[in-house]
Amino acid sequence: MAIEAFLFDLDGTLVDSSRDLAAAVNRLRRHLDLPELPAATVLGYVGDGATNLLRRALPAGMFNQRILQQFMDIYAADICVYSYIYPGVENFLQRHYHKPLAVVSNKPLRLAEALLEALKLRHYFTVVVGGDSLPHKKPHPAPLLYAADTINVVAGNCVMIGDHHTDLRGAAAAGCPSCFCRYGFGVSDGVAATWQVDSADELEKLFP
């Protein structure tokens, strides 16, 4: 198989944003007069978009669109206080800068763009697809197929690199090979991946 392009998840794959996400959820909970949650608990809710994150992090029936917008504003205000690029990621992006690179995230587009800009990563990517860019988000194949189409590469010649079962399921549905990042804060949920890595440094060895 000729690998012509790489598609990346964002949170837990390129960037460890866990502390900022947990802090934003807890700031929202304080605003709603709710006690804070342990950071590890919040991380268990991450990976399926902001709506599902809040449905899990708030009492049943409390979620609504107004609260979602509050969360977006809270998170956007401090999107990159603790977040950092995983060691090895930038070396990999520099090595493969001659190939089309894309981000396919379930994070809302404006927040994905803001985080990439804050960490000076945005210029590496031809396209960024957010969770609200299309009617469907991962694990639906549409975001991956849209990214592949935008960069003019057949999905089967792209590799989807991510730390969550939504990445792996989306890749399988799109006919795209996948690489599961075990170092992230997502889970595979038993979904098979074409490759697996334990650290971002291993990506360079796997895809020289």
N, C-alpha and C. Protein backbone atom coordinates (compact mmCIF):
# COMPACT_ATOMS: atom_id res chain seq x y z
N MET A 1 0.83 -1.20 0.00
CA MET A 1 0.00 0.00 0.00
C MET A 1 0.87 1.25 0.00
N ALA A 2 0.56 2.17 -0.91
CA ALA A 2 1.29 3.43 -0.94
C ALA A 2 0.59 4.43 -0.02
N ILE A 3 1.29 4.87 1.01
CA ILE A 3 0.73 5.87 1.92
C ILE A 3 0.98 7.26 1.33
N GLU A 4 -0.08 7.91 0.95
CA GLU A 4 0.04 9.22 0.30
C GLU A 4 -0.30 10.37 1.23
N ALA A 5 -1.00 10.10 2.34
CA ALA A 5 -1.42 11.19 3.23
C ALA A 5 -1.71 10.64 4.62
N PHE A 6 -1.69 11.54 5.59
CA PHE A 6 -2.02 11.18 6.97
C PHE A 6 -3.15 12.07 7.48
N LEU A 7 -4.12 11.42 8.13
CA LEU A 7 -5.21 12.11 8.79
C LEU A 7 -5.03 11.92 10.29
N PHE A 8 -5.14 12.99 11.04
CA PHE A 8 -4.89 12.92 12.48
C PHE A 8 -6.11 13.34 13.29
N ASP A 9 -6.37 12.59 14.34
CA ASP A 9 -7.21 13.09 15.41
C ASP A 9 -6.41 14.19 16.12
N LEU A 10 -7.07 15.01 16.93
CA LEU A 10 -6.37 16.11 17.59
C LEU A 10 -6.10 15.80 19.06
N ASP A 11 -7.16 15.80 19.87
CA ASP A 11 -7.00 15.60 21.32
C ASP A 11 -6.62 14.17 21.63
N GLY A 12 -5.50 13.99 22.33
CA GLY A 12 -5.04 12.66 22.67
C GLY A 12 -4.19 12.01 21.60
N THR A 13 -3.98 12.72 20.48
CA THR A 13 -3.17 12.17 19.38
C THR A 13 -2.03 13.13 19.04
N LEU A 14 -2.37 14.33 18.64
CA LEU A 14 -1.36 15.36 18.40
C LEU A 14 -1.03 16.12 19.69
N VAL A 15 -2.07 16.33 20.49
CA VAL A 15 -1.97 17.24 21.64
C VAL A 15 -2.57 16.59 22.89
N ASP A 16 -1.89 16.76 24.01
CA ASP A 16 -2.49 16.39 25.29
C ASP A 16 -3.23 17.61 25.83
N SER A 17 -4.52 17.64 25.62
CA SER A 17 -5.37 18.75 26.04
C SER A 17 -6.19 18.39 27.27
N SER A 18 -5.84 17.29 27.91
CA SER A 18 -6.68 16.72 28.96
C SER A 18 -6.91 17.68 30.12
N ARG A 19 -5.87 18.35 30.57
CA ARG A 19 -6.03 19.21 31.75
C ARG A 19 -6.89 20.42 31.44
N ASP A 20 -6.75 20.97 30.23
CA ASP A 20 -7.59 22.12 29.86
C ASP A 20 -9.04 21.72 29.68
N LEU A 21 -9.30 20.54 29.11
CA LEU A 21 -10.68 20.06 28.96
C LEU A 21 -11.31 19.82 30.33
N ALA A 22 -10.57 19.17 31.21
CA ALA A 22 -11.09 18.89 32.56
C ALA A 22 -11.35 20.20 33.31
N ALA A 23 -10.44 21.15 33.17
CA ALA A 23 -10.60 22.44 33.85
C ALA A 23 -11.83 23.17 33.35
N ALA A 24 -12.08 23.12 32.04
CA ALA A 24 -13.24 23.80 31.46
C ALA A 24 -14.54 23.16 31.93
N VAL A 25 -14.57 21.83 31.97
CA VAL A 25 -15.77 21.14 32.45
C VAL A 25 -16.05 21.53 33.89
N ASN A 26 -15.00 21.58 34.70
CA ASN A 26 -15.20 21.90 36.11
C ASN A 26 -15.53 23.38 36.33
N ARG A 27 -15.03 24.26 35.48
CA ARG A 27 -15.44 25.66 35.58
C ARG A 27 -16.93 25.78 35.25
N LEU A 28 -17.37 25.02 34.25
CA LEU A 28 -18.79 25.01 33.92
C LEU A 28 -19.61 24.47 35.08
N ARG A 29 -19.17 23.39 35.66
CA ARG A 29 -19.90 22.79 36.79
C ARG A 29 -19.98 23.77 37.96
N ARG A 30 -18.89 24.48 38.24
CA ARG A 30 -18.94 25.48 39.31
C ARG A 30 -19.97 26.56 38.99
N HIS A 31 -19.99 27.00 37.73
CA HIS A 31 -20.94 28.02 37.29
C HIS A 31 -22.38 27.54 37.49
N LEU A 32 -22.58 26.23 37.39
CA LEU A 32 -23.90 25.64 37.54
C LEU A 32 -24.15 25.17 38.98
N ASP A 33 -23.26 25.57 39.91
CA ASP A 33 -23.37 25.20 41.32
C ASP A 33 -23.31 23.69 41.54
N LEU A 34 -22.44 23.05 40.75
CA LEU A 34 -22.21 21.61 40.90
C LEU A 34 -20.79 21.39 41.41
N PRO A 35 -20.54 20.33 42.16
CA PRO A 35 -19.17 20.05 42.62
C PRO A 35 -18.28 19.64 41.45
N GLU A 36 -16.98 19.86 41.60
CA GLU A 36 -16.04 19.47 40.56
C GLU A 36 -15.93 17.94 40.47
N LEU A 37 -15.51 17.49 39.30
CA LEU A 37 -15.26 16.07 39.07
C LEU A 37 -13.75 15.83 39.00
N PRO A 38 -13.27 14.65 39.38
CA PRO A 38 -11.85 14.34 39.19
C PRO A 38 -11.49 14.41 37.70
N ALA A 39 -10.29 14.90 37.41
CA ALA A 39 -9.85 15.03 36.02
C ALA A 39 -9.93 13.70 35.28
N ALA A 40 -9.58 12.62 35.96
CA ALA A 40 -9.61 11.30 35.32
C ALA A 40 -11.03 10.92 34.92
N THR A 41 -12.01 11.32 35.71
CA THR A 41 -13.41 11.04 35.38
C THR A 41 -13.82 11.79 34.12
N VAL A 42 -13.44 13.07 34.04
CA VAL A 42 -13.77 13.87 32.86
C VAL A 42 -13.14 13.27 31.61
N LEU A 43 -11.90 12.83 31.72
CA LEU A 43 -11.21 12.25 30.56
C LEU A 43 -11.94 11.03 30.02
N GLY A 44 -12.59 10.29 30.89
CA GLY A 44 -13.35 9.13 30.46
C GLY A 44 -14.55 9.50 29.61
N TYR A 45 -14.92 10.78 29.63
CA TYR A 45 -16.07 11.26 28.87
C TYR A 45 -15.68 11.88 27.52
N VAL A 46 -14.39 12.01 27.27
CA VAL A 46 -13.89 12.70 26.08
C VAL A 46 -13.84 11.75 24.89
N GLY A 47 -14.06 12.29 23.68
CA GLY A 47 -13.82 11.51 22.47
C GLY A 47 -14.97 11.48 21.50
N ASP A 48 -16.17 11.84 21.94
CA ASP A 48 -17.33 11.76 21.06
C ASP A 48 -17.97 13.13 20.84
N GLY A 49 -17.17 14.19 20.98
CA GLY A 49 -17.68 15.53 20.75
C GLY A 49 -18.13 16.21 22.04
N ALA A 50 -18.29 17.53 21.95
CA ALA A 50 -18.61 18.35 23.13
C ALA A 50 -19.98 18.02 23.70
N THR A 51 -20.95 17.75 22.83
CA THR A 51 -22.30 17.45 23.31
C THR A 51 -22.31 16.21 24.18
N ASN A 52 -21.67 15.15 23.71
CA ASN A 52 -21.62 13.92 24.50
C ASN A 52 -20.77 14.09 25.75
N LEU A 53 -19.71 14.88 25.66
CA LEU A 53 -18.88 15.17 26.83
C LEU A 53 -19.74 15.77 27.94
N LEU A 54 -20.54 16.78 27.59
CA LEU A 54 -21.36 17.45 28.60
C LEU A 54 -22.52 16.59 29.08
N ARG A 55 -23.10 15.82 28.19
CA ARG A 55 -24.18 14.93 28.63
C ARG A 55 -23.67 13.96 29.69
N ARG A 56 -22.42 13.56 29.56
CA ARG A 56 -21.83 12.62 30.52
C ARG A 56 -21.38 13.34 31.80
N ALA A 57 -20.93 14.59 31.65
CA ALA A 57 -20.33 15.30 32.77
C ALA A 57 -21.35 16.06 33.61
N LEU A 58 -22.60 16.14 33.15
CA LEU A 58 -23.64 16.86 33.87
C LEU A 58 -24.74 15.89 34.31
N PRO A 59 -25.49 16.27 35.33
CA PRO A 59 -26.61 15.41 35.76
C PRO A 59 -27.60 15.17 34.62
N ALA A 60 -28.23 14.03 34.64
CA ALA A 60 -29.18 13.66 33.59
C ALA A 60 -30.25 14.73 33.42
N GLY A 61 -30.47 15.11 32.15
CA GLY A 61 -31.51 16.08 31.84
C GLY A 61 -31.09 17.54 31.91
N MET A 62 -29.87 17.81 32.40
CA MET A 62 -29.45 19.20 32.55
C MET A 62 -28.94 19.81 31.25
N PHE A 63 -28.37 18.99 30.37
CA PHE A 63 -27.76 19.51 29.15
C PHE A 63 -28.78 20.23 28.27
N ASN A 64 -28.35 21.37 27.73
CA ASN A 64 -29.12 22.06 26.70
C ASN A 64 -28.17 22.89 25.85
N GLN A 65 -28.67 23.50 24.80
CA GLN A 65 -27.81 24.24 23.88
C GLN A 65 -27.19 25.47 24.52
N ARG A 66 -27.90 26.08 25.46
CA ARG A 66 -27.34 27.25 26.15
C ARG A 66 -26.12 26.86 26.97
N ILE A 67 -26.22 25.72 27.66
CA ILE A 67 -25.10 25.23 28.46
C ILE A 67 -23.94 24.83 27.56
N LEU A 68 -24.25 24.23 26.41
CA LEU A 68 -23.20 23.89 25.45
C LEU A 68 -22.43 25.13 25.03
N GLN A 69 -23.14 26.21 24.72
CA GLN A 69 -22.47 27.45 24.32
C GLN A 69 -21.65 28.03 25.46
N GLN A 70 -22.16 27.93 26.69
CA GLN A 70 -21.38 28.39 27.85
C GLN A 70 -20.06 27.64 27.94
N PHE A 71 -20.15 26.32 27.76
CA PHE A 71 -18.94 25.50 27.82
C PHE A 71 -17.96 25.91 26.73
N MET A 72 -18.45 26.10 25.52
CA MET A 72 -17.58 26.50 24.41
C MET A 72 -16.85 27.80 24.74
N ASP A 73 -17.57 28.75 25.29
CA ASP A 73 -16.97 30.04 25.62
C ASP A 73 -15.95 29.91 26.75
N ILE A 74 -16.28 29.10 27.76
CA ILE A 74 -15.37 28.88 28.89
C ILE A 74 -14.08 28.22 28.40
N TYR A 75 -14.23 27.19 27.57
CA TYR A 75 -13.06 26.46 27.08
C TYR A 75 -12.23 27.32 26.14
N ALA A 76 -12.90 28.06 25.24
CA ALA A 76 -12.18 28.89 24.27
C ALA A 76 -11.34 29.96 24.96
N ALA A 77 -11.82 30.46 26.09
CA ALA A 77 -11.10 31.53 26.80
C ALA A 77 -9.76 31.06 27.35
N ASP A 78 -9.65 29.77 27.67
CA ASP A 78 -8.39 29.22 28.22
C ASP A 78 -8.08 27.89 27.55
N ILE A 79 -8.03 27.91 26.22
CA ILE A 79 -7.91 26.66 25.48
C ILE A 79 -6.52 26.04 25.53
N CYS A 80 -5.53 26.85 25.85
CA CYS A 80 -4.16 26.33 25.80
C CYS A 80 -3.34 26.83 26.99
N VAL A 81 -3.83 26.55 28.18
CA VAL A 81 -3.08 26.87 29.40
C VAL A 81 -2.11 25.75 29.72
N TYR A 82 -2.63 24.52 29.72
CA TYR A 82 -1.83 23.34 30.06
C TYR A 82 -1.58 22.42 28.87
N SER A 83 -2.28 22.62 27.78
CA SER A 83 -2.16 21.71 26.64
C SER A 83 -0.76 21.77 26.03
N TYR A 84 -0.30 20.63 25.55
CA TYR A 84 1.03 20.59 24.94
C TYR A 84 1.06 19.54 23.83
N ILE A 85 1.99 19.71 22.92
CA ILE A 85 2.19 18.77 21.81
C ILE A 85 2.92 17.53 22.35
N TYR A 86 2.43 16.36 22.00
CA TYR A 86 3.11 15.15 22.45
C TYR A 86 4.52 15.10 21.86
N PRO A 87 5.52 14.71 22.65
CA PRO A 87 6.88 14.58 22.14
C PRO A 87 6.92 13.64 20.94
N GLY A 88 7.59 14.07 19.88
CA GLY A 88 7.70 13.27 18.67
C GLY A 88 6.74 13.68 17.58
N VAL A 89 5.65 14.37 17.94
CA VAL A 89 4.65 14.75 16.95
C VAL A 89 5.22 15.73 15.93
N GLU A 90 5.89 16.77 16.42
CA GLU A 90 6.36 17.79 15.48
C GLU A 90 7.44 17.24 14.55
N ASN A 91 8.29 16.37 15.07
CA ASN A 91 9.30 15.75 14.21
C ASN A 91 8.62 14.97 13.08
N PHE A 92 7.55 14.26 13.42
CA PHE A 92 6.82 13.48 12.43
C PHE A 92 6.18 14.39 11.39
N LEU A 93 5.56 15.47 11.83
CA LEU A 93 4.91 16.40 10.90
C LEU A 93 5.94 17.04 9.97
N GLN A 94 7.09 17.39 10.51
CA GLN A 94 8.15 17.99 9.68
C GLN A 94 8.66 16.99 8.65
N ARG A 95 8.81 15.73 9.08
CA ARG A 95 9.32 14.70 8.18
C ARG A 95 8.36 14.45 7.01
N HIS A 96 7.06 14.57 7.28
CA HIS A 96 6.06 14.24 6.26
C HIS A 96 5.35 15.48 5.71
N TYR A 97 5.97 16.62 5.87
CA TYR A 97 5.36 17.88 5.44
C TYR A 97 5.13 17.92 3.92
N HIS A 98 5.87 17.09 3.18
CA HIS A 98 5.72 17.04 1.72
C HIS A 98 4.45 16.31 1.32
N LYS A 99 3.84 15.56 2.26
CA LYS A 99 2.59 14.86 1.99
C LYS A 99 1.42 15.73 2.45
N PRO A 100 0.22 15.51 1.88
CA PRO A 100 -0.96 16.19 2.42
C PRO A 100 -1.25 15.67 3.83
N LEU A 101 -1.46 16.58 4.76
CA LEU A 101 -1.77 16.24 6.14
C LEU A 101 -3.09 16.91 6.52
N ALA A 102 -3.92 16.21 7.27
CA ALA A 102 -5.21 16.76 7.67
C ALA A 102 -5.51 16.41 9.11
N VAL A 103 -6.30 17.24 9.76
CA VAL A 103 -6.84 16.95 11.08
C VAL A 103 -8.31 16.62 10.92
N VAL A 104 -8.73 15.50 11.50
CA VAL A 104 -10.14 15.12 11.51
C VAL A 104 -10.53 14.90 12.97
N SER A 105 -11.19 15.89 13.54
CA SER A 105 -11.47 15.91 14.97
C SER A 105 -12.97 15.99 15.22
N ASN A 106 -13.39 15.52 16.38
CA ASN A 106 -14.78 15.72 16.80
C ASN A 106 -14.93 17.02 17.60
N LYS A 107 -13.83 17.71 17.79
CA LYS A 107 -13.86 19.02 18.46
C LYS A 107 -14.51 20.02 17.51
N PRO A 108 -15.34 20.94 18.01
CA PRO A 108 -15.89 21.97 17.12
C PRO A 108 -14.77 22.68 16.36
N LEU A 109 -15.03 23.00 15.11
CA LEU A 109 -13.98 23.50 14.23
C LEU A 109 -13.26 24.71 14.79
N ARG A 110 -14.00 25.69 15.30
CA ARG A 110 -13.32 26.92 15.77
C ARG A 110 -12.39 26.63 16.93
N LEU A 111 -12.74 25.64 17.77
CA LEU A 111 -11.87 25.30 18.88
C LEU A 111 -10.66 24.48 18.41
N ALA A 112 -10.88 23.60 17.45
CA ALA A 112 -9.76 22.83 16.88
C ALA A 112 -8.76 23.78 16.23
N GLU A 113 -9.26 24.71 15.44
CA GLU A 113 -8.39 25.69 14.78
C GLU A 113 -7.65 26.53 15.83
N ALA A 114 -8.36 26.96 16.87
CA ALA A 114 -7.74 27.80 17.90
C ALA A 114 -6.63 27.07 18.63
N LEU A 115 -6.85 25.79 18.94
CA LEU A 115 -5.83 25.02 19.65
C LEU A 115 -4.61 24.79 18.76
N LEU A 116 -4.83 24.47 17.50
CA LEU A 116 -3.71 24.28 16.57
C LEU A 116 -2.92 25.57 16.39
N GLU A 117 -3.62 26.69 16.31
CA GLU A 117 -2.94 27.99 16.17
C GLU A 117 -2.13 28.30 17.43
N ALA A 118 -2.72 28.05 18.60
CA ALA A 118 -2.04 28.37 19.86
C ALA A 118 -0.75 27.58 20.02
N LEU A 119 -0.74 26.36 19.49
CA LEU A 119 0.45 25.51 19.60
C LEU A 119 1.33 25.56 18.36
N LYS A 120 0.98 26.49 17.44
CA LYS A 120 1.77 26.71 16.22
C LYS A 120 1.88 25.45 15.36
N LEU A 121 0.77 24.73 15.25
CA LEU A 121 0.73 23.52 14.43
C LEU A 121 -0.12 23.70 13.17
N ARG A 122 -0.93 24.74 13.11
CA ARG A 122 -1.92 24.85 12.04
C ARG A 122 -1.31 24.79 10.65
N HIS A 123 -0.12 25.36 10.47
CA HIS A 123 0.45 25.48 9.13
C HIS A 123 0.83 24.12 8.51
N TYR A 124 0.87 23.08 9.33
CA TYR A 124 1.22 21.76 8.79
C TYR A 124 0.07 21.14 8.00
N PHE A 125 -1.16 21.60 8.22
CA PHE A 125 -2.33 20.87 7.74
C PHE A 125 -3.04 21.58 6.59
N THR A 126 -3.30 20.81 5.54
CA THR A 126 -4.01 21.33 4.37
C THR A 126 -5.45 21.63 4.73
N VAL A 127 -6.05 20.78 5.56
CA VAL A 127 -7.45 20.97 5.94
C VAL A 127 -7.65 20.51 7.39
N VAL A 128 -8.55 21.18 8.08
CA VAL A 128 -8.97 20.78 9.42
C VAL A 128 -10.48 20.56 9.37
N VAL A 129 -10.90 19.36 9.74
CA VAL A 129 -12.33 19.03 9.79
C VAL A 129 -12.73 18.92 11.25
N GLY A 130 -13.72 19.68 11.65
CA GLY A 130 -14.20 19.66 13.03
C GLY A 130 -15.46 18.85 13.18
N GLY A 131 -15.88 18.66 14.40
CA GLY A 131 -17.07 17.88 14.67
C GLY A 131 -18.35 18.50 14.16
N ASP A 132 -18.30 19.81 13.89
CA ASP A 132 -19.48 20.50 13.37
C ASP A 132 -19.29 20.94 11.92
N SER A 133 -18.26 20.44 11.26
CA SER A 133 -18.01 20.82 9.86
C SER A 133 -19.00 20.17 8.90
N LEU A 134 -19.51 18.99 9.29
CA LEU A 134 -20.41 18.20 8.44
C LEU A 134 -21.61 17.74 9.27
N PRO A 135 -22.63 17.23 8.64
CA PRO A 135 -23.76 16.72 9.41
C PRO A 135 -23.40 15.54 10.32
N HIS A 136 -22.34 14.80 9.97
CA HIS A 136 -21.92 13.64 10.76
C HIS A 136 -20.50 13.85 11.28
N LYS A 137 -20.22 13.23 12.42
CA LYS A 137 -18.86 13.24 12.97
C LYS A 137 -18.39 11.80 13.13
N LYS A 138 -17.11 11.63 13.41
CA LYS A 138 -16.61 10.28 13.67
C LYS A 138 -17.44 9.64 14.79
N PRO A 139 -17.79 8.37 14.69
CA PRO A 139 -17.23 7.32 13.83
C PRO A 139 -17.84 7.21 12.44
N HIS A 140 -18.72 8.12 12.06
CA HIS A 140 -19.22 8.12 10.68
C HIS A 140 -18.04 8.35 9.74
N PRO A 141 -18.01 7.71 8.59
CA PRO A 141 -16.87 7.88 7.68
C PRO A 141 -16.83 9.24 6.97
N ALA A 142 -17.93 9.99 7.01
CA ALA A 142 -18.00 11.23 6.22
C ALA A 142 -16.85 12.21 6.47
N PRO A 143 -16.46 12.47 7.73
CA PRO A 143 -15.36 13.42 7.93
C PRO A 143 -14.04 12.96 7.31
N LEU A 144 -13.77 11.66 7.40
CA LEU A 144 -12.53 11.14 6.81
C LEU A 144 -12.59 11.21 5.29
N LEU A 145 -13.73 10.84 4.73
CA LEU A 145 -13.88 10.88 3.27
C LEU A 145 -13.82 12.32 2.76
N TYR A 146 -14.37 13.24 3.51
CA TYR A 146 -14.32 14.65 3.12
C TYR A 146 -12.87 15.15 3.14
N ALA A 147 -12.13 14.80 4.19
CA ALA A 147 -10.72 15.22 4.29
C ALA A 147 -9.92 14.63 3.13
N ALA A 148 -10.12 13.34 2.86
CA ALA A 148 -9.38 12.68 1.77
C ALA A 148 -9.71 13.33 0.43
N ASP A 149 -10.99 13.63 0.21
CA ASP A 149 -11.40 14.28 -1.03
C ASP A 149 -10.80 15.67 -1.16
N THR A 150 -10.75 16.39 -0.04
CA THR A 150 -10.21 17.76 -0.06
C THR A 150 -8.72 17.77 -0.41
N ILE A 151 -7.99 16.77 0.07
CA ILE A 151 -6.55 16.72 -0.22
C ILE A 151 -6.25 15.90 -1.47
N ASN A 152 -7.32 15.42 -2.15
CA ASN A 152 -7.17 14.74 -3.44
C ASN A 152 -6.45 13.40 -3.32
N VAL A 153 -6.74 12.67 -2.27
CA VAL A 153 -6.12 11.36 -2.06
C VAL A 153 -7.24 10.35 -1.78
N VAL A 154 -7.16 9.19 -2.39
CA VAL A 154 -8.12 8.12 -2.12
C VAL A 154 -8.00 7.72 -0.64
N ALA A 155 -9.13 7.52 0.02
CA ALA A 155 -9.12 7.21 1.45
C ALA A 155 -8.26 5.99 1.76
N GLY A 156 -8.27 5.01 0.88
CA GLY A 156 -7.48 3.81 1.10
C GLY A 156 -5.99 4.03 1.10
N ASN A 157 -5.55 5.19 0.60
CA ASN A 157 -4.13 5.53 0.60
C ASN A 157 -3.78 6.54 1.69
N CYS A 158 -4.73 6.79 2.59
CA CYS A 158 -4.48 7.63 3.77
C CYS A 158 -4.35 6.72 5.00
N VAL A 159 -3.70 7.22 6.02
CA VAL A 159 -3.69 6.53 7.32
C VAL A 159 -4.36 7.45 8.33
N MET A 160 -5.37 6.93 9.02
CA MET A 160 -6.01 7.68 10.10
C MET A 160 -5.29 7.35 11.39
N ILE A 161 -4.73 8.37 12.02
CA ILE A 161 -3.96 8.20 13.26
C ILE A 161 -4.77 8.80 14.40
N GLY A 162 -5.12 7.98 15.38
CA GLY A 162 -5.95 8.48 16.47
C GLY A 162 -5.89 7.61 17.71
N ASP A 163 -6.44 8.14 18.80
CA ASP A 163 -6.35 7.45 20.09
C ASP A 163 -7.70 6.94 20.58
N HIS A 164 -8.71 6.95 19.72
CA HIS A 164 -10.05 6.63 20.20
C HIS A 164 -10.76 5.68 19.24
N HIS A 165 -11.70 4.92 19.78
CA HIS A 165 -12.42 3.96 18.92
C HIS A 165 -13.20 4.67 17.82
N THR A 166 -13.57 5.94 18.03
CA THR A 166 -14.26 6.66 16.95
C THR A 166 -13.36 6.84 15.74
N ASP A 167 -12.06 7.01 15.98
CA ASP A 167 -11.10 7.12 14.88
C ASP A 167 -10.99 5.80 14.13
N LEU A 168 -10.92 4.72 14.89
CA LEU A 168 -10.75 3.39 14.29
C LEU A 168 -12.01 2.96 13.55
N ARG A 169 -13.15 3.23 14.13
CA ARG A 169 -14.41 2.88 13.46
C ARG A 169 -14.63 3.73 12.21
N GLY A 170 -14.30 5.02 12.32
CA GLY A 170 -14.43 5.89 11.16
C GLY A 170 -13.52 5.46 10.03
N ALA A 171 -12.29 5.07 10.39
CA ALA A 171 -11.33 4.62 9.38
C ALA A 171 -11.82 3.34 8.70
N ALA A 172 -12.30 2.40 9.49
CA ALA A 172 -12.79 1.14 8.91
C ALA A 172 -13.95 1.40 7.96
N ALA A 173 -14.86 2.29 8.36
CA ALA A 173 -16.02 2.58 7.52
C ALA A 173 -15.63 3.31 6.24
N ALA A 174 -14.53 4.08 6.30
CA ALA A 174 -14.07 4.83 5.14
C ALA A 174 -13.12 4.02 4.26
N GLY A 175 -12.78 2.80 4.68
CA GLY A 175 -11.83 2.00 3.92
C GLY A 175 -10.41 2.52 4.04
N CYS A 176 -10.11 3.06 5.21
CA CYS A 176 -8.82 3.73 5.44
C CYS A 176 -8.03 2.96 6.50
N PRO A 177 -6.76 2.63 6.28
CA PRO A 177 -5.95 2.01 7.33
C PRO A 177 -5.86 2.94 8.54
N SER A 178 -5.64 2.35 9.70
CA SER A 178 -5.61 3.15 10.93
C SER A 178 -4.43 2.80 11.80
N CYS A 179 -4.03 3.77 12.60
CA CYS A 179 -2.97 3.57 13.60
C CYS A 179 -3.52 4.04 14.94
N PHE A 180 -3.59 3.12 15.90
CA PHE A 180 -4.11 3.45 17.23
C PHE A 180 -2.98 3.95 18.13
N CYS A 181 -3.18 5.12 18.72
CA CYS A 181 -2.18 5.74 19.60
C CYS A 181 -2.51 5.38 21.04
N ARG A 182 -1.83 4.39 21.55
CA ARG A 182 -2.11 3.92 22.90
C ARG A 182 -1.68 4.91 23.96
N TYR A 183 -0.87 5.91 23.58
CA TYR A 183 -0.40 6.90 24.55
C TYR A 183 -1.45 7.96 24.86
N GLY A 184 -2.51 8.04 24.05
CA GLY A 184 -3.52 9.08 24.25
C GLY A 184 -4.46 8.75 25.39
N PHE A 185 -5.53 9.54 25.53
CA PHE A 185 -6.46 9.29 26.63
C PHE A 185 -7.76 8.66 26.16
N GLY A 186 -7.79 8.22 24.89
CA GLY A 186 -8.95 7.51 24.39
C GLY A 186 -8.82 6.02 24.63
N VAL A 187 -9.79 5.26 24.15
CA VAL A 187 -9.77 3.80 24.27
C VAL A 187 -10.13 3.19 22.93
N SER A 188 -9.60 2.01 22.66
CA SER A 188 -9.89 1.35 21.38
C SER A 188 -11.24 0.65 21.41
N ASP A 189 -11.74 0.34 22.62
CA ASP A 189 -13.00 -0.36 22.77
C ASP A 189 -12.99 -1.70 22.03
N GLY A 190 -11.79 -2.27 21.89
CA GLY A 190 -11.66 -3.56 21.24
C GLY A 190 -11.68 -3.52 19.72
N VAL A 191 -11.74 -2.31 19.14
CA VAL A 191 -11.76 -2.18 17.68
C VAL A 191 -10.34 -2.37 17.15
N ALA A 192 -10.21 -3.19 16.12
CA ALA A 192 -8.88 -3.49 15.56
C ALA A 192 -8.34 -2.30 14.78
N ALA A 193 -7.04 -2.12 14.85
CA ALA A 193 -6.33 -1.10 14.06
C ALA A 193 -5.29 -1.80 13.20
N THR A 194 -4.90 -1.14 12.11
CA THR A 194 -3.86 -1.70 11.23
C THR A 194 -2.52 -1.72 11.95
N TRP A 195 -2.23 -0.63 12.69
CA TRP A 195 -1.00 -0.51 13.47
C TRP A 195 -1.35 0.06 14.84
N GLN A 196 -0.38 -0.07 15.77
CA GLN A 196 -0.50 0.54 17.09
C GLN A 196 0.85 1.10 17.50
N VAL A 197 0.83 2.20 18.23
CA VAL A 197 2.07 2.75 18.77
C VAL A 197 1.85 3.09 20.24
N ASP A 198 2.91 3.00 21.02
CA ASP A 198 2.85 3.32 22.45
C ASP A 198 3.31 4.74 22.75
N SER A 199 3.94 5.39 21.78
CA SER A 199 4.36 6.79 21.95
C SER A 199 4.39 7.44 20.57
N ALA A 200 4.28 8.77 20.57
CA ALA A 200 4.32 9.49 19.29
C ALA A 200 5.68 9.33 18.61
N ASP A 201 6.73 9.12 19.40
CA ASP A 201 8.06 8.89 18.82
C ASP A 201 8.07 7.68 17.89
N GLU A 202 7.23 6.70 18.19
CA GLU A 202 7.21 5.47 17.39
C GLU A 202 6.61 5.69 15.99
N LEU A 203 5.88 6.78 15.82
CA LEU A 203 5.28 7.04 14.51
C LEU A 203 6.36 7.21 13.44
N GLU A 204 7.46 7.87 13.80
CA GLU A 204 8.55 8.08 12.83
C GLU A 204 9.17 6.75 12.40
N LYS A 205 9.27 5.81 13.33
CA LYS A 205 9.86 4.50 13.01
C LYS A 205 8.87 3.69 12.16
N LEU A 206 7.59 3.81 12.47
CA LEU A 206 6.57 3.05 11.76
C LEU A 206 6.36 3.57 10.34
N PHE A 207 6.40 4.90 10.20
CA PHE A 207 6.20 5.54 8.89
C PHE A 207 7.39 6.44 8.59
N PRO A 208 8.51 5.85 8.21
CA PRO A 208 9.75 6.66 8.00
C PRO A 208 9.64 7.57 6.78
